[in-house]
Amino acid sequence: MSSRFLAAVLAAFLALPAFAETSKQTGETVDKIKSYSVDKKNEAVAYGKKVMKAADRDIKKLERAASKASDDTKAQFQQDLKDIKATRTAAANELDKMGKASGEAWDSTKTAFADAYKDLREGVANASNKLKK
């Protein structure tokens, strides 16, 4: 292999976006969300909004990276991004429900948001991994 080829591969790899959460960090985030009690609902919702903003930033990074990909890769990423955005909408809806939840519904709504958030992060991670291939 030529040194130019290796340099090009390395440059392409380094140009890939860095994503905010690893799967371990996502697990920790999900655990933190699930640990909030109803008396900490406002704090839980604020935290949920914070992690959703981070996910939104990663989705934007994916969109930028996909726009620079080859035509075949772009076509696949259009579907991946469509799926990720649908999952993002579902997570946002669960966060909204969590903000409105009463004491009786608290555990189920915070779990629903945590699970939707986990699905969102997994979708972003899977798409990111495809870009690296």
C-alpha atoms as a PDB file:
ATOM      1  CA  MET A   1       0.000   0.000   0.000  1.00  0.00           C
ATOM      2  CA  SER A   2       1.197   3.431  -0.811  1.00  0.00           C
ATOM      3  CA  SER A   3       1.696   6.042   1.847  1.00  0.00           C
ATOM      4  CA  ARG A   4      -0.748   8.308  -0.011  1.00  0.00           C
ATOM      5  CA  PHE A   5      -3.451   5.683   0.232  1.00  0.00           C
ATOM      6  CA  LEU A   6      -2.849   5.183   3.951  1.00  0.00           C
ATOM      7  CA  ALA A   7      -2.847   8.937   4.493  1.00  0.00           C
ATOM      8  CA  ALA A   8      -6.152   9.234   2.615  1.00  0.00           C
ATOM      9  CA  VAL A   9      -7.735   6.446   4.675  1.00  0.00           C
ATOM     10  CA  LEU A  10      -6.494   7.993   7.905  1.00  0.00           C
ATOM     11  CA  ALA A  11      -7.742  11.443   6.893  1.00  0.00           C
ATOM     12  CA  ALA A  12     -11.175  10.030   6.001  1.00  0.00           C
ATOM     13  CA  PHE A  13     -11.380   8.210   9.331  1.00  0.00           C
ATOM     14  CA  LEU A  14     -10.344  11.278  11.311  1.00  0.00           C
ATOM     15  CA  ALA A  15     -12.937  13.379   9.487  1.00  0.00           C
ATOM     16  CA  LEU A  16     -15.769  11.228  10.832  1.00  0.00           C
ATOM     17  CA  PRO A  17     -17.781  12.995  13.505  1.00  0.00           C
ATOM     18  CA  ALA A  18     -17.171  12.154  17.127  1.00  0.00           C
ATOM     19  CA  PHE A  19     -20.383  11.287  18.923  1.00  0.00           C
ATOM     20  CA  ALA A  20     -21.105  12.420  22.440  1.00  0.00           C
ATOM     21  CA  GLU A  21     -22.147   9.134  24.023  1.00  0.00           C
ATOM     22  CA  THR A  22     -20.675   5.670  23.944  1.00  0.00           C
ATOM     23  CA  SER A  23     -22.933   2.707  24.654  1.00  0.00           C
ATOM     24  CA  LYS A  24     -21.583   2.628  28.223  1.00  0.00           C
ATOM     25  CA  GLN A  25     -22.454   6.299  28.671  1.00  0.00           C
ATOM     26  CA  THR A  26     -25.909   5.711  27.191  1.00  0.00           C
ATOM     27  CA  GLY A  27     -26.467   2.962  29.743  1.00  0.00           C
ATOM     28  CA  GLU A  28     -25.412   5.322  32.522  1.00  0.00           C
ATOM     29  CA  THR A  29     -27.746   8.027  31.187  1.00  0.00           C
ATOM     30  CA  VAL A  30     -30.655   5.572  31.049  1.00  0.00           C
ATOM     31  CA  ASP A  31     -29.917   4.414  34.586  1.00  0.00           C
ATOM     32  CA  LYS A  32     -29.814   8.022  35.797  1.00  0.00           C
ATOM     33  CA  ILE A  33     -33.170   8.795  34.174  1.00  0.00           C
ATOM     34  CA  LYS A  34     -34.724   5.711  35.733  1.00  0.00           C
ATOM     35  CA  SER A  35     -33.360   6.641  39.168  1.00  0.00           C
ATOM     36  CA  TYR A  36     -35.317   9.903  39.471  1.00  0.00           C
ATOM     37  CA  SER A  37     -38.206   9.881  41.888  1.00  0.00           C
ATOM     38  CA  VAL A  38     -41.427  11.772  41.198  1.00  0.00           C
ATOM     39  CA  ASP A  39     -40.428  14.501  43.651  1.00  0.00           C
ATOM     40  CA  LYS A  40     -37.453  15.206  41.345  1.00  0.00           C
ATOM     41  CA  LYS A  41     -39.641  15.349  38.227  1.00  0.00           C
ATOM     42  CA  ASN A  42     -38.568  18.865  37.205  1.00  0.00           C
ATOM     43  CA  GLU A  43     -34.916  17.895  37.542  1.00  0.00           C
ATOM     44  CA  ALA A  44     -35.549  14.699  35.553  1.00  0.00           C
ATOM     45  CA  VAL A  45     -37.281  16.595  32.740  1.00  0.00           C
ATOM     46  CA  ALA A  46     -34.462  19.166  32.619  1.00  0.00           C
ATOM     47  CA  TYR A  47     -31.936  16.333  32.383  1.00  0.00           C
ATOM     48  CA  GLY A  48     -34.042  14.697  29.664  1.00  0.00           C
ATOM     49  CA  LYS A  49     -34.020  17.932  27.659  1.00  0.00           C
ATOM     50  CA  LYS A  50     -30.257  18.187  28.074  1.00  0.00           C
ATOM     51  CA  VAL A  51     -29.586  14.680  26.763  1.00  0.00           C
ATOM     52  CA  MET A  52     -32.023  15.189  23.891  1.00  0.00           C
ATOM     53  CA  LYS A  53     -30.105  18.321  22.841  1.00  0.00           C
ATOM     54  CA  ALA A  54     -26.910  16.269  22.819  1.00  0.00           C
ATOM     55  CA  ALA A  55     -28.615  13.652  20.653  1.00  0.00           C
ATOM     56  CA  ASP A  56     -29.814  16.402  18.312  1.00  0.00           C
ATOM     57  CA  ARG A  57     -26.235  17.607  17.900  1.00  0.00           C
ATOM     58  CA  ASP A  58     -25.148  14.087  17.010  1.00  0.00           C
ATOM     59  CA  ILE A  59     -27.968  13.765  14.483  1.00  0.00           C
ATOM     60  CA  LYS A  60     -26.770  16.993  12.837  1.00  0.00           C
ATOM     61  CA  LYS A  61     -23.226  15.580  12.712  1.00  0.00           C
ATOM     62  CA  LEU A  62     -24.572  12.444  11.051  1.00  0.00           C
ATOM     63  CA  GLU A  63     -26.438  14.530   8.498  1.00  0.00           C
ATOM     64  CA  ARG A  64     -23.280  16.468   7.641  1.00  0.00           C
ATOM     65  CA  ALA A  65     -21.185  13.309   7.380  1.00  0.00           C
ATOM     66  CA  ALA A  66     -23.813  11.578   5.241  1.00  0.00           C
ATOM     67  CA  SER A  67     -23.969  14.552   2.889  1.00  0.00           C
ATOM     68  CA  LYS A  68     -20.264  14.037   2.126  1.00  0.00           C
ATOM     69  CA  ALA A  69     -20.602  10.305   1.493  1.00  0.00           C
ATOM     70  CA  SER A  70     -20.781   8.498  -1.833  1.00  0.00           C
ATOM     71  CA  ASP A  71     -24.136   8.289  -3.618  1.00  0.00           C
ATOM     72  CA  ASP A  72     -24.740   4.682  -2.527  1.00  0.00           C
ATOM     73  CA  THR A  73     -23.932   5.518   1.072  1.00  0.00           C
ATOM     74  CA  LYS A  74     -26.086   8.662   0.948  1.00  0.00           C
ATOM     75  CA  ALA A  75     -29.100   6.644  -0.172  1.00  0.00           C
ATOM     76  CA  GLN A  76     -28.709   4.230   2.738  1.00  0.00           C
ATOM     77  CA  PHE A  77     -28.199   7.064   5.201  1.00  0.00           C
ATOM     78  CA  GLN A  78     -31.314   8.859   4.047  1.00  0.00           C
ATOM     79  CA  GLN A  79     -33.326   5.884   5.294  1.00  0.00           C
ATOM     80  CA  ASP A  80     -31.236   5.590   8.463  1.00  0.00           C
ATOM     81  CA  LEU A  81     -31.726   9.295   9.201  1.00  0.00           C
ATOM     82  CA  LYS A  82     -35.447   9.007   8.559  1.00  0.00           C
ATOM     83  CA  ASP A  83     -35.612   6.156  11.092  1.00  0.00           C
ATOM     84  CA  ILE A  84     -33.467   8.056  13.604  1.00  0.00           C
ATOM     85  CA  LYS A  85     -35.667  11.136  13.315  1.00  0.00           C
ATOM     86  CA  ALA A  86     -38.786   9.030  13.886  1.00  0.00           C
ATOM     87  CA  THR A  87     -37.151   7.536  16.977  1.00  0.00           C
ATOM     88  CA  ARG A  88     -36.168  11.048  18.098  1.00  0.00           C
ATOM     89  CA  THR A  89     -39.788  12.179  17.771  1.00  0.00           C
ATOM     90  CA  ALA A  90     -40.932   9.198  19.827  1.00  0.00           C
ATOM     91  CA  ALA A  91     -38.371   9.996  22.546  1.00  0.00           C
ATOM     92  CA  ALA A  92     -39.446  13.663  22.585  1.00  0.00           C
ATOM     93  CA  ASN A  93     -43.074  12.587  22.959  1.00  0.00           C
ATOM     94  CA  GLU A  94     -42.146  10.352  25.890  1.00  0.00           C
ATOM     95  CA  LEU A  95     -40.216  13.205  27.490  1.00  0.00           C
ATOM     96  CA  ASP A  96     -43.281  15.417  27.128  1.00  0.00           C
ATOM     97  CA  LYS A  97     -45.429  12.732  28.783  1.00  0.00           C
ATOM     98  CA  MET A  98     -42.864  12.414  31.552  1.00  0.00           C
ATOM     99  CA  GLY A  99     -43.172  16.134  32.246  1.00  0.00           C
ATOM    100  CA  LYS A 100     -46.931  15.769  32.636  1.00  0.00           C
ATOM    101  CA  ALA A 101     -46.911  12.520  34.599  1.00  0.00           C
ATOM    102  CA  SER A 102     -48.591  12.240  37.963  1.00  0.00           C
ATOM    103  CA  GLY A 103     -47.199  10.221  40.824  1.00  0.00           C
ATOM    104  CA  GLU A 104     -49.036   7.084  39.758  1.00  0.00           C
ATOM    105  CA  ALA A 105     -47.795   7.209  36.177  1.00  0.00           C
ATOM    106  CA  TRP A 106     -44.283   8.413  36.977  1.00  0.00           C
ATOM    107  CA  ASP A 107     -42.427   5.109  36.909  1.00  0.00           C
ATOM    108  CA  SER A 108     -43.935   3.957  33.634  1.00  0.00           C
ATOM    109  CA  THR A 109     -43.440   7.293  31.879  1.00  0.00           C
ATOM    110  CA  LYS A 110     -39.833   7.747  32.966  1.00  0.00           C
ATOM    111  CA  THR A 111     -39.087   4.166  31.900  1.00  0.00           C
ATOM    112  CA  ALA A 112     -40.787   4.782  28.544  1.00  0.00           C
ATOM    113  CA  PHE A 113     -38.646   7.882  27.979  1.00  0.00           C
ATOM    114  CA  ALA A 114     -35.456   6.101  29.085  1.00  0.00           C
ATOM    115  CA  ASP A 115     -36.174   3.223  26.702  1.00  0.00           C
ATOM    116  CA  ALA A 116     -37.003   5.576  23.805  1.00  0.00           C
ATOM    117  CA  TYR A 117     -33.827   7.553  24.493  1.00  0.00           C
ATOM    118  CA  LYS A 118     -31.785   4.350  24.491  1.00  0.00           C
ATOM    119  CA  ASP A 119     -33.299   3.385  21.131  1.00  0.00           C
ATOM    120  CA  LEU A 120     -32.409   6.818  19.772  1.00  0.00           C
ATOM    121  CA  ARG A 121     -28.786   6.606  20.906  1.00  0.00           C
ATOM    122  CA  GLU A 122     -28.468   3.083  19.524  1.00  0.00           C
ATOM    123  CA  GLY A 123     -29.774   4.291  16.156  1.00  0.00           C
ATOM    124  CA  VAL A 124     -27.249   7.135  16.100  1.00  0.00           C
ATOM    125  CA  ALA A 125     -24.428   4.767  17.103  1.00  0.00           C
ATOM    126  CA  ASN A 126     -25.379   2.204  14.456  1.00  0.00           C
ATOM    127  CA  ALA A 127     -25.485   4.852  11.738  1.00  0.00           C
ATOM    128  CA  SER A 128     -22.153   6.232  12.925  1.00  0.00           C
ATOM    129  CA  ASN A 129     -20.611   2.771  12.776  1.00  0.00           C
ATOM    130  CA  LYS A 130     -21.818   2.361   9.194  1.00  0.00           C
ATOM    131  CA  LEU A 131     -20.065   5.589   8.249  1.00  0.00           C
ATOM    132  CA  LYS A 132     -16.819   4.243   9.649  1.00  0.00           C
ATOM    133  CA  LYS A 133     -16.940   1.175   7.402  1.00  0.00           C
END
